[in-house]
Amino acid sequence: MELSAAELHAGHRRSHIAEMVINGSTMSIVSMTKKLNELPEASPEVRTLAKDFIHDQEHYIGEMKSFLC
Protein backbone atom coordinates (compact mmCIF):
# COMPACT_ATOMS: atom_id res chain seq x y z
CA MET A 1 0.00 0.00 0.00
CA GLU A 2 1.47 3.31 -1.09
CA LEU A 3 1.06 6.50 0.85
CA SER A 4 -0.22 9.60 -0.89
CA ALA A 5 1.92 12.72 -1.06
CA ALA A 6 -0.29 14.36 1.57
CA GLU A 7 0.15 11.39 3.93
CA LEU A 8 3.92 11.46 3.44
CA HIS A 9 3.99 15.21 4.09
CA ALA A 10 1.88 14.82 7.23
CA GLY A 11 4.22 12.08 8.47
CA HIS A 12 7.27 14.24 7.90
CA ARG A 13 5.57 17.17 9.70
CA ARG A 14 4.78 14.93 12.67
CA SER A 15 8.37 13.71 12.70
CA HIS A 16 9.72 17.25 12.57
CA ILE A 17 7.43 18.38 15.41
CA ALA A 18 8.46 15.34 17.48
CA GLU A 19 12.11 16.19 16.84
CA MET A 20 11.55 19.77 18.02
CA VAL A 21 9.78 18.55 21.18
CA ILE A 22 12.63 16.11 21.87
CA ASN A 23 15.23 18.85 21.38
CA GLY A 24 13.33 21.27 23.60
CA SER A 25 12.82 18.69 26.31
CA THR A 26 16.50 17.73 26.19
CA MET A 27 17.53 21.37 26.59
CA SER A 28 15.13 21.68 29.53
CA ILE A 29 16.60 18.60 31.19
CA VAL A 30 20.14 19.93 30.79
CA SER A 31 19.19 23.36 32.09
CA MET A 32 17.30 22.04 35.11
CA THR A 33 20.08 19.58 35.95
CA LYS A 34 22.65 22.37 35.86
CA LYS A 35 20.50 24.47 38.20
CA LEU A 36 20.10 21.56 40.61
CA ASN A 37 23.88 21.13 40.66
CA GLU A 38 24.50 24.88 41.07
CA LEU A 39 22.03 25.22 43.95
CA PRO A 40 22.64 22.41 46.43
CA GLU A 41 21.05 24.61 49.12
CA ALA A 42 17.66 24.53 47.37
CA SER A 43 14.88 23.27 49.60
CA PRO A 44 13.82 19.63 49.39
CA GLU A 45 10.46 20.73 47.95
CA VAL A 46 12.14 22.66 45.13
CA ARG A 47 14.53 19.80 44.40
CA THR A 48 11.59 17.37 44.24
CA LEU A 49 9.71 19.64 41.84
CA ALA A 50 12.80 19.96 39.65
CA LYS A 51 13.35 16.20 39.60
CA ASP A 52 9.67 15.61 38.78
CA PHE A 53 9.99 18.10 35.92
CA ILE A 54 13.03 16.24 34.58
CA HIS A 55 11.18 12.93 34.85
CA ASP A 56 8.20 14.37 32.94
CA GLN A 57 10.47 15.69 30.19
CA GLU A 58 12.13 12.27 29.87
CA HIS A 59 8.66 10.74 29.55
CA TYR A 60 7.71 13.18 26.77
CA ILE A 61 10.90 12.32 24.91
CA GLY A 62 10.03 8.63 25.10
CA GLU A 63 6.54 9.27 23.71
CA MET A 64 7.84 11.42 20.86
CA LYS A 65 10.30 8.77 19.64
CA SER A 66 7.48 6.81 18.02
CA PHE A 67 6.77 9.75 15.69
CA LEU A 68 10.30 9.97 14.31
CA CYS A 69 10.90 8.73 10.81
PDB file of N, CA and C in Angstrom:
ATOM      1  N   MET A   1       0.831  -1.167   0.000  1.00  0.00           N
ATOM      2  CA  MET A   1       0.000   0.000   0.000  1.00  0.00           C
ATOM      3  C   MET A   1       0.886   1.245   0.000  1.00  0.00           C
ATOM      4  N   GLU A   2       0.687   2.087  -0.985  1.00  0.00           N
ATOM      5  CA  GLU A   2       1.469   3.310  -1.088  1.00  0.00           C
ATOM      6  C   GLU A   2       0.783   4.455  -0.373  1.00  0.00           C
ATOM      7  N   LEU A   3       1.585   5.311   0.198  1.00  0.00           N
ATOM      8  CA  LEU A   3       1.055   6.502   0.853  1.00  0.00           C
ATOM      9  C   LEU A   3       0.951   7.637  -0.161  1.00  0.00           C
ATOM     10  N   SER A   4      -0.074   8.441  -0.011  1.00  0.00           N
ATOM     11  CA  SER A   4      -0.218   9.597  -0.886  1.00  0.00           C
ATOM     12  C   SER A   4       0.804  10.658  -0.489  1.00  0.00           C
ATOM     13  N   ALA A   5       0.991  11.637  -1.355  1.00  0.00           N
ATOM     14  CA  ALA A   5       1.918  12.725  -1.064  1.00  0.00           C
ATOM     15  C   ALA A   5       1.500  13.473   0.198  1.00  0.00           C
ATOM     16  N   ALA A   6       0.206  13.661   0.377  1.00  0.00           N
ATOM     17  CA  ALA A   6      -0.292  14.359   1.568  1.00  0.00           C
ATOM     18  C   ALA A   6       0.009  13.558   2.833  1.00  0.00           C
ATOM     19  N   GLU A   7      -0.141  12.228   2.763  1.00  0.00           N
ATOM     20  CA  GLU A   7       0.147  11.388   3.926  1.00  0.00           C
ATOM     21  C   GLU A   7       1.636  11.411   4.255  1.00  0.00           C
ATOM     22  N   LEU A   8       2.472  11.387   3.223  1.00  0.00           N
ATOM     23  CA  LEU A   8       3.916  11.462   3.438  1.00  0.00           C
ATOM     24  C   LEU A   8       4.297  12.791   4.074  1.00  0.00           C
ATOM     25  N   HIS A   9       3.709  13.874   3.554  1.00  0.00           N
ATOM     26  CA  HIS A   9       3.988  15.206   4.086  1.00  0.00           C
ATOM     27  C   HIS A   9       3.552  15.306   5.544  1.00  0.00           C
ATOM     28  N   ALA A  10       2.380  14.784   5.857  1.00  0.00           N
ATOM     29  CA  ALA A  10       1.884  14.815   7.233  1.00  0.00           C
ATOM     30  C   ALA A  10       2.813  14.019   8.154  1.00  0.00           C
ATOM     31  N   GLY A  11       3.297  12.900   7.673  1.00  0.00           N
ATOM     32  CA  GLY A  11       4.220  12.079   8.466  1.00  0.00           C
ATOM     33  C   GLY A  11       5.518  12.804   8.735  1.00  0.00           C
ATOM     34  N   HIS A  12       6.031  13.487   7.716  1.00  0.00           N
ATOM     35  CA  HIS A  12       7.269  14.244   7.897  1.00  0.00           C
ATOM     36  C   HIS A  12       7.054  15.425   8.848  1.00  0.00           C
ATOM     37  N   ARG A  13       5.882  16.062   8.775  1.00  0.00           N
ATOM     38  CA  ARG A  13       5.574  17.168   9.697  1.00  0.00           C
ATOM     39  C   ARG A  13       5.515  16.660  11.131  1.00  0.00           C
ATOM     40  N   ARG A  14       4.848  15.508  11.327  1.00  0.00           N
ATOM     41  CA  ARG A  14       4.778  14.928  12.673  1.00  0.00           C
ATOM     42  C   ARG A  14       6.178  14.599  13.195  1.00  0.00           C
ATOM     43  N   SER A  15       7.003  14.051  12.313  1.00  0.00           N
ATOM     44  CA  SER A  15       8.367  13.706  12.699  1.00  0.00           C
ATOM     45  C   SER A  15       9.158  14.955  13.077  1.00  0.00           C
ATOM     46  N   HIS A  16       8.997  16.007  12.300  1.00  0.00           N
ATOM     47  CA  HIS A  16       9.718  17.255  12.574  1.00  0.00           C
ATOM     48  C   HIS A  16       9.255  17.862  13.905  1.00  0.00           C
ATOM     49  N   ILE A  17       7.955  17.853  14.147  1.00  0.00           N
ATOM     50  CA  ILE A  17       7.430  18.376  15.413  1.00  0.00           C
ATOM     51  C   ILE A  17       7.948  17.542  16.581  1.00  0.00           C
ATOM     52  N   ALA A  18       7.946  16.223  16.427  1.00  0.00           N
ATOM     53  CA  ALA A  18       8.461  15.342  17.478  1.00  0.00           C
ATOM     54  C   ALA A  18       9.934  15.643  17.745  1.00  0.00           C
ATOM     55  N   GLU A  19      10.685  15.865  16.692  1.00  0.00           N
ATOM     56  CA  GLU A  19      12.105  16.190  16.839  1.00  0.00           C
ATOM     57  C   GLU A  19      12.283  17.508  17.604  1.00  0.00           C
ATOM     58  N   MET A  20      11.463  18.493  17.305  1.00  0.00           N
ATOM     59  CA  MET A  20      11.546  19.775  18.016  1.00  0.00           C
ATOM     60  C   MET A  20      11.193  19.607  19.493  1.00  0.00           C
ATOM     61  N   VAL A  21      10.164  18.802  19.779  1.00  0.00           N
ATOM     62  CA  VAL A  21       9.780  18.546  21.179  1.00  0.00           C
ATOM     63  C   VAL A  21      10.918  17.833  21.906  1.00  0.00           C
ATOM     64  N   ILE A  22      11.514  16.842  21.269  1.00  0.00           N
ATOM     65  CA  ILE A  22      12.630  16.111  21.874  1.00  0.00           C
ATOM     66  C   ILE A  22      13.795  17.057  22.156  1.00  0.00           C
ATOM     67  N   ASN A  23      14.127  17.904  21.184  1.00  0.00           N
ATOM     68  CA  ASN A  23      15.232  18.846  21.382  1.00  0.00           C
ATOM     69  C   ASN A  23      14.928  19.825  22.511  1.00  0.00           C
ATOM     70  N   GLY A  24      13.715  20.344  22.539  1.00  0.00           N
ATOM     71  CA  GLY A  24      13.330  21.274  23.602  1.00  0.00           C
ATOM     72  C   GLY A  24      13.346  20.620  24.964  1.00  0.00           C
ATOM     73  N   SER A  25      12.829  19.407  25.038  1.00  0.00           N
ATOM     74  CA  SER A  25      12.819  18.687  26.312  1.00  0.00           C
ATOM     75  C   SER A  25      14.237  18.380  26.779  1.00  0.00           C
ATOM     76  N   THR A  26      15.101  18.014  25.845  1.00  0.00           N
ATOM     77  CA  THR A  26      16.497  17.731  26.188  1.00  0.00           C
ATOM     78  C   THR A  26      17.177  18.976  26.732  1.00  0.00           C
ATOM     79  N   MET A  27      16.951  20.114  26.090  1.00  0.00           N
ATOM     80  CA  MET A  27      17.531  21.369  26.585  1.00  0.00           C
ATOM     81  C   MET A  27      17.002  21.695  27.975  1.00  0.00           C
ATOM     82  N   SER A  28      15.723  21.433  28.211  1.00  0.00           N
ATOM     83  CA  SER A  28      15.130  21.684  29.526  1.00  0.00           C
ATOM     84  C   SER A  28      15.754  20.793  30.593  1.00  0.00           C
ATOM     85  N   ILE A  29      15.982  19.542  30.254  1.00  0.00           N
ATOM     86  CA  ILE A  29      16.605  18.602  31.193  1.00  0.00           C
ATOM     87  C   ILE A  29      18.013  19.072  31.551  1.00  0.00           C
ATOM     88  N   VAL A  30      18.772  19.456  30.545  1.00  0.00           N
ATOM     89  CA  VAL A  30      20.142  19.927  30.785  1.00  0.00           C
ATOM     90  C   VAL A  30      20.129  21.169  31.664  1.00  0.00           C
ATOM     91  N   SER A  31      19.278  22.116  31.333  1.00  0.00           N
ATOM     92  CA  SER A  31      19.188  23.363  32.093  1.00  0.00           C
ATOM     93  C   SER A  31      18.788  23.116  33.545  1.00  0.00           C
ATOM     94  N   MET A  32      17.775  22.310  33.750  1.00  0.00           N
ATOM     95  CA  MET A  32      17.299  22.043  35.112  1.00  0.00           C
ATOM     96  C   MET A  32      18.351  21.272  35.909  1.00  0.00           C
ATOM     97  N   THR A  33      19.033  20.343  35.275  1.00  0.00           N
ATOM     98  CA  THR A  33      20.077  19.578  35.953  1.00  0.00           C
ATOM     99  C   THR A  33      21.215  20.495  36.380  1.00  0.00           C
ATOM    100  N   LYS A  34      21.599  21.417  35.506  1.00  0.00           N
ATOM    101  CA  LYS A  34      22.646  22.375  35.861  1.00  0.00           C
ATOM    102  C   LYS A  34      22.227  23.203  37.078  1.00  0.00           C
ATOM    103  N   LYS A  35      20.983  23.662  37.072  1.00  0.00           N
ATOM    104  CA  LYS A  35      20.497  24.468  38.203  1.00  0.00           C
ATOM    105  C   LYS A  35      20.498  23.659  39.495  1.00  0.00           C
ATOM    106  N   LEU A  36      20.079  22.418  39.424  1.00  0.00           N
ATOM    107  CA  LEU A  36      20.103  21.560  40.613  1.00  0.00           C
ATOM    108  C   LEU A  36      21.532  21.431  41.151  1.00  0.00           C
ATOM    109  N   ASN A  37      22.485  21.281  40.245  1.00  0.00           N
ATOM    110  CA  ASN A  37      23.884  21.130  40.659  1.00  0.00           C
ATOM    111  C   ASN A  37      24.465  22.448  41.183  1.00  0.00           C
ATOM    112  N   GLU A  38      24.003  23.573  40.642  1.00  0.00           N
ATOM    113  CA  GLU A  38      24.497  24.881  41.067  1.00  0.00           C
ATOM    114  C   GLU A  38      23.903  25.314  42.408  1.00  0.00           C
ATOM    115  N   LEU A  39      22.751  24.775  42.760  1.00  0.00           N
ATOM    116  CA  LEU A  39      22.034  25.224  43.951  1.00  0.00           C
ATOM    117  C   LEU A  39      21.777  24.072  44.929  1.00  0.00           C
ATOM    118  N   PRO A  40      22.842  23.529  45.497  1.00  0.00           N
ATOM    119  CA  PRO A  40      22.636  22.412  46.433  1.00  0.00           C
ATOM    120  C   PRO A  40      21.844  22.825  47.679  1.00  0.00           C
ATOM    121  N   GLU A  41      21.777  24.135  47.946  1.00  0.00           N
ATOM    122  CA  GLU A  41      21.049  24.612  49.119  1.00  0.00           C
ATOM    123  C   GLU A  41      19.546  24.739  48.879  1.00  0.00           C
ATOM    124  N   ALA A  42      19.092  24.443  47.667  1.00  0.00           N
ATOM    125  CA  ALA A  42      17.658  24.531  47.369  1.00  0.00           C
ATOM    126  C   ALA A  42      16.882  23.614  48.314  1.00  0.00           C
ATOM    127  N   SER A  43      15.692  24.048  48.654  1.00  0.00           N
ATOM    128  CA  SER A  43      14.882  23.274  49.599  1.00  0.00           C
ATOM    129  C   SER A  43      14.519  21.904  49.019  1.00  0.00           C
ATOM    130  N   PRO A  44      14.225  20.957  49.865  1.00  0.00           N
ATOM    131  CA  PRO A  44      13.821  19.632  49.385  1.00  0.00           C
ATOM    132  C   PRO A  44      12.588  19.697  48.476  1.00  0.00           C
ATOM    133  N   GLU A  45      11.663  20.597  48.777  1.00  0.00           N
ATOM    134  CA  GLU A  45      10.459  20.727  47.949  1.00  0.00           C
ATOM    135  C   GLU A  45      10.816  21.177  46.533  1.00  0.00           C
ATOM    136  N   VAL A  46      11.716  22.155  46.436  1.00  0.00           N
ATOM    137  CA  VAL A  46      12.144  22.662  45.131  1.00  0.00           C
ATOM    138  C   VAL A  46      12.897  21.581  44.372  1.00  0.00           C
ATOM    139  N   ARG A  47      13.757  20.866  45.061  1.00  0.00           N
ATOM    140  CA  ARG A  47      14.526  19.802  44.401  1.00  0.00           C
ATOM    141  C   ARG A  47      13.588  18.700  43.892  1.00  0.00           C
ATOM    142  N   THR A  48      12.560  18.377  44.676  1.00  0.00           N
ATOM    143  CA  THR A  48      11.586  17.368  44.245  1.00  0.00           C
ATOM    144  C   THR A  48      10.831  17.846  43.011  1.00  0.00           C
ATOM    145  N   LEU A  49      10.406  19.089  43.015  1.00  0.00           N
ATOM    146  CA  LEU A  49       9.714  19.642  41.837  1.00  0.00           C
ATOM    147  C   LEU A  49      10.607  19.591  40.607  1.00  0.00           C
ATOM    148  N   ALA A  50      11.866  19.967  40.770  1.00  0.00           N
ATOM    149  CA  ALA A  50      12.800  19.957  39.646  1.00  0.00           C
ATOM    150  C   ALA A  50      13.000  18.531  39.119  1.00  0.00           C
ATOM    151  N   LYS A  51      13.149  17.588  40.020  1.00  0.00           N
ATOM    152  CA  LYS A  51      13.346  16.197  39.604  1.00  0.00           C
ATOM    153  C   LYS A  51      12.081  15.644  38.934  1.00  0.00           C
ATOM    154  N   ASP A  52      10.921  16.026  39.418  1.00  0.00           N
ATOM    155  CA  ASP A  52       9.668  15.611  38.776  1.00  0.00           C
ATOM    156  C   ASP A  52       9.573  16.198  37.364  1.00  0.00           C
ATOM    157  N   PHE A  53       9.981  17.458  37.223  1.00  0.00           N
ATOM    158  CA  PHE A  53       9.993  18.103  35.918  1.00  0.00           C
ATOM    159  C   PHE A  53      10.897  17.340  34.954  1.00  0.00           C
ATOM    160  N   ILE A  54      12.084  16.993  35.419  1.00  0.00           N
ATOM    161  CA  ILE A  54      13.026  16.236  34.581  1.00  0.00           C
ATOM    162  C   ILE A  54      12.417  14.897  34.187  1.00  0.00           C
ATOM    163  N   HIS A  55      11.812  14.221  35.131  1.00  0.00           N
ATOM    164  CA  HIS A  55      11.179  12.930  34.848  1.00  0.00           C
ATOM    165  C   HIS A  55      10.088  13.086  33.788  1.00  0.00           C
ATOM    166  N   ASP A  56       9.267  14.123  33.922  1.00  0.00           N
ATOM    167  CA  ASP A  56       8.202  14.372  32.935  1.00  0.00           C
ATOM    168  C   ASP A  56       8.782  14.615  31.550  1.00  0.00           C
ATOM    169  N   GLN A  57       9.855  15.393  31.477  1.00  0.00           N
ATOM    170  CA  GLN A  57      10.475  15.685  30.186  1.00  0.00           C
ATOM    171  C   GLN A  57      11.028  14.400  29.551  1.00  0.00           C
ATOM    172  N   GLU A  58      11.617  13.548  30.377  1.00  0.00           N
ATOM    173  CA  GLU A  58      12.126  12.268  29.870  1.00  0.00           C
ATOM    174  C   GLU A  58      10.973  11.416  29.332  1.00  0.00           C
ATOM    175  N   HIS A  59       9.839  11.470  30.008  1.00  0.00           N
ATOM    176  CA  HIS A  59       8.658  10.735  29.551  1.00  0.00           C
ATOM    177  C   HIS A  59       8.191  11.265  28.193  1.00  0.00           C
ATOM    178  N   TYR A  60       8.134  12.587  28.041  1.00  0.00           N
ATOM    179  CA  TYR A  60       7.707  13.181  26.773  1.00  0.00           C
ATOM    180  C   TYR A  60       8.645  12.772  25.642  1.00  0.00           C
ATOM    181  N   ILE A  61       9.934  12.744  25.925  1.00  0.00           N
ATOM    182  CA  ILE A  61      10.905  12.320  24.905  1.00  0.00           C
ATOM    183  C   ILE A  61      10.592  10.897  24.472  1.00  0.00           C
ATOM    184  N   GLY A  62      10.349  10.020  25.426  1.00  0.00           N
ATOM    185  CA  GLY A  62      10.028   8.626  25.102  1.00  0.00           C
ATOM    186  C   GLY A  62       8.788   8.514  24.219  1.00  0.00           C
ATOM    187  N   GLU A  63       7.774   9.309  24.523  1.00  0.00           N
ATOM    188  CA  GLU A  63       6.541   9.269  23.715  1.00  0.00           C
ATOM    189  C   GLU A  63       6.780   9.803  22.310  1.00  0.00           C
ATOM    190  N   MET A  64       7.605  10.795  22.167  1.00  0.00           N
ATOM    191  CA  MET A  64       7.844  11.416  20.860  1.00  0.00           C
ATOM    192  C   MET A  64       8.666  10.530  19.919  1.00  0.00           C
ATOM    193  N   LYS A  65       9.444   9.629  20.477  1.00  0.00           N
ATOM    194  CA  LYS A  65      10.297   8.767  19.644  1.00  0.00           C
ATOM    195  C   LYS A  65       9.502   7.978  18.622  1.00  0.00           C
ATOM    196  N   SER A  66       8.274   7.618  18.946  1.00  0.00           N
ATOM    197  CA  SER A  66       7.475   6.813  18.018  1.00  0.00           C
ATOM    198  C   SER A  66       7.056   7.607  16.782  1.00  0.00           C
ATOM    199  N   PHE A  67       7.152   8.922  16.825  1.00  0.00           N
ATOM    200  CA  PHE A  67       6.765   9.751  15.689  1.00  0.00           C
ATOM    201  C   PHE A  67       7.933  10.067  14.759  1.00  0.00           C
ATOM    202  N   LEU A  68       9.138   9.686  15.148  1.00  0.00           N
ATOM    203  CA  LEU A  68      10.301   9.975  14.313  1.00  0.00           C
ATOM    204  C   LEU A  68      10.361   9.021  13.132  1.00  0.00           C
ATOM    205  N   CYS A  69      10.692   9.585  11.986  1.00  0.00           N
ATOM    206  CA  CYS A  69      10.898   8.726  10.808  1.00  0.00           C
ATOM    207  C   CYS A  69      12.006   9.282   9.950  1.00  0.00           C
TER     208      CYS A  69
END
